[in-house]
Amino acid sequence: MKVSELKDILDRELFRPFAMRLNNGILYAFNTRKDFGASKDYEMIFHFGDHGGAARIDAESIVEIIETK
């Protein structure tokens, strides 16, 4: 997974939900922009959960980006 691909998805004018599958099989859904956070270089990504928690994701562990509805 290239960081440039992720940037392209996030830089769209209108946000479209997507999911991210990691090399360990975990799937994170990003249903709103508020679910997503990242360092300036996108090497460290954060998924903010519904219950105030957050998961830290290493960009190197992303194997698939899935556009959802």
C-alpha atoms as a PDB file:
ATOM      1  CA  MET A   1       0.000   0.000   0.000  1.00  0.00           C
ATOM      2  CA  LYS A   2       1.501   3.271  -1.058  1.00  0.00           C
ATOM      3  CA  VAL A   3       0.944   6.336   1.083  1.00  0.00           C
ATOM      4  CA  SER A   4       0.206   8.309  -2.099  1.00  0.00           C
ATOM      5  CA  GLU A   5      -2.836   6.079  -2.736  1.00  0.00           C
ATOM      6  CA  LEU A   6      -4.178   6.852   0.721  1.00  0.00           C
ATOM      7  CA  LYS A   7      -3.588  10.579   0.229  1.00  0.00           C
ATOM      8  CA  ASP A   8      -5.528  10.449  -3.054  1.00  0.00           C
ATOM      9  CA  ILE A   9      -8.519   8.903  -1.285  1.00  0.00           C
ATOM     10  CA  LEU A  10      -8.454  11.444   1.531  1.00  0.00           C
ATOM     11  CA  ASP A  11      -7.856  14.497  -0.649  1.00  0.00           C
ATOM     12  CA  ARG A  12     -11.120  14.086  -2.537  1.00  0.00           C
ATOM     13  CA  GLU A  13     -13.456  17.036  -2.269  1.00  0.00           C
ATOM     14  CA  LEU A  14     -16.294  14.869  -0.980  1.00  0.00           C
ATOM     15  CA  PHE A  15     -15.478  12.265   1.628  1.00  0.00           C
ATOM     16  CA  ARG A  16     -16.475   8.729   0.712  1.00  0.00           C
ATOM     17  CA  PRO A  17     -16.380   6.001   3.379  1.00  0.00           C
ATOM     18  CA  PHE A  18     -13.672   3.399   3.091  1.00  0.00           C
ATOM     19  CA  ALA A  19     -12.173   0.518   5.028  1.00  0.00           C
ATOM     20  CA  MET A  20      -8.567  -0.413   5.563  1.00  0.00           C
ATOM     21  CA  ARG A  21      -7.398  -4.035   5.871  1.00  0.00           C
ATOM     22  CA  LEU A  22      -4.116  -4.689   7.655  1.00  0.00           C
ATOM     23  CA  ASN A  23      -1.642  -7.513   7.142  1.00  0.00           C
ATOM     24  CA  ASN A  24      -2.918  -9.134  10.371  1.00  0.00           C
ATOM     25  CA  GLY A  25      -6.478  -9.313   8.967  1.00  0.00           C
ATOM     26  CA  ILE A  26      -7.969  -6.487  11.060  1.00  0.00           C
ATOM     27  CA  LEU A  27     -10.375  -4.254   9.144  1.00  0.00           C
ATOM     28  CA  TYR A  28     -10.944  -0.626  10.169  1.00  0.00           C
ATOM     29  CA  ALA A  29     -13.936   1.279   8.771  1.00  0.00           C
ATOM     30  CA  PHE A  30     -13.676   5.026   8.252  1.00  0.00           C
ATOM     31  CA  ASN A  31     -17.267   6.202   7.898  1.00  0.00           C
ATOM     32  CA  THR A  32     -16.603   9.922   8.441  1.00  0.00           C
ATOM     33  CA  ARG A  33     -13.548  12.179   8.228  1.00  0.00           C
ATOM     34  CA  LYS A  34     -13.553  12.333  12.023  1.00  0.00           C
ATOM     35  CA  ASP A  35     -12.719   8.612  12.148  1.00  0.00           C
ATOM     36  CA  PHE A  36      -9.338   9.296  10.507  1.00  0.00           C
ATOM     37  CA  GLY A  37      -6.170  10.968  11.739  1.00  0.00           C
ATOM     38  CA  ALA A  38      -2.586  10.871  10.487  1.00  0.00           C
ATOM     39  CA  SER A  39       0.871  12.285  10.924  1.00  0.00           C
ATOM     40  CA  LYS A  40       1.929  14.800   8.271  1.00  0.00           C
ATOM     41  CA  ASP A  41       3.803  12.133   6.321  1.00  0.00           C
ATOM     42  CA  TYR A  42       0.931   9.601   6.663  1.00  0.00           C
ATOM     43  CA  GLU A  43       3.336   7.002   8.038  1.00  0.00           C
ATOM     44  CA  MET A  44       1.299   6.782  11.249  1.00  0.00           C
ATOM     45  CA  ILE A  45      -2.476   6.611  10.918  1.00  0.00           C
ATOM     46  CA  PHE A  46      -5.128   6.703  13.620  1.00  0.00           C
ATOM     47  CA  HIS A  47      -8.614   5.234  13.667  1.00  0.00           C
ATOM     48  CA  PHE A  48     -10.817   7.012  16.179  1.00  0.00           C
ATOM     49  CA  GLY A  49     -13.527   4.689  17.443  1.00  0.00           C
ATOM     50  CA  ASP A  50     -17.091   5.444  18.442  1.00  0.00           C
ATOM     51  CA  HIS A  51     -16.325   5.098  22.140  1.00  0.00           C
ATOM     52  CA  GLY A  52     -13.522   7.637  22.403  1.00  0.00           C
ATOM     53  CA  GLY A  53     -10.759   5.122  21.818  1.00  0.00           C
ATOM     54  CA  ALA A  54      -8.143   5.197  19.108  1.00  0.00           C
ATOM     55  CA  ALA A  55      -6.084   2.619  17.238  1.00  0.00           C
ATOM     56  CA  ARG A  56      -2.649   3.470  15.882  1.00  0.00           C
ATOM     57  CA  ILE A  57      -1.930   1.973  12.458  1.00  0.00           C
ATOM     58  CA  ASP A  58       1.472   1.751  10.807  1.00  0.00           C
ATOM     59  CA  ALA A  59       1.095   2.608   7.114  1.00  0.00           C
ATOM     60  CA  GLU A  60       3.417  -0.296   6.235  1.00  0.00           C
ATOM     61  CA  SER A  61       0.825  -2.753   7.608  1.00  0.00           C
ATOM     62  CA  ILE A  62      -1.955  -1.652   5.206  1.00  0.00           C
ATOM     63  CA  VAL A  63      -2.561  -4.238   2.509  1.00  0.00           C
ATOM     64  CA  GLU A  64      -5.897  -3.086   1.084  1.00  0.00           C
ATOM     65  CA  ILE A  65      -8.146  -0.046   0.888  1.00  0.00           C
ATOM     66  CA  ILE A  66     -11.801  -0.882   0.250  1.00  0.00           C
ATOM     67  CA  GLU A  67     -14.239   1.814  -0.810  1.00  0.00           C
ATOM     68  CA  THR A  68     -17.550   1.311   0.958  1.00  0.00           C
ATOM     69  CA  LYS A  69     -20.981   2.911   0.712  1.00  0.00           C
END
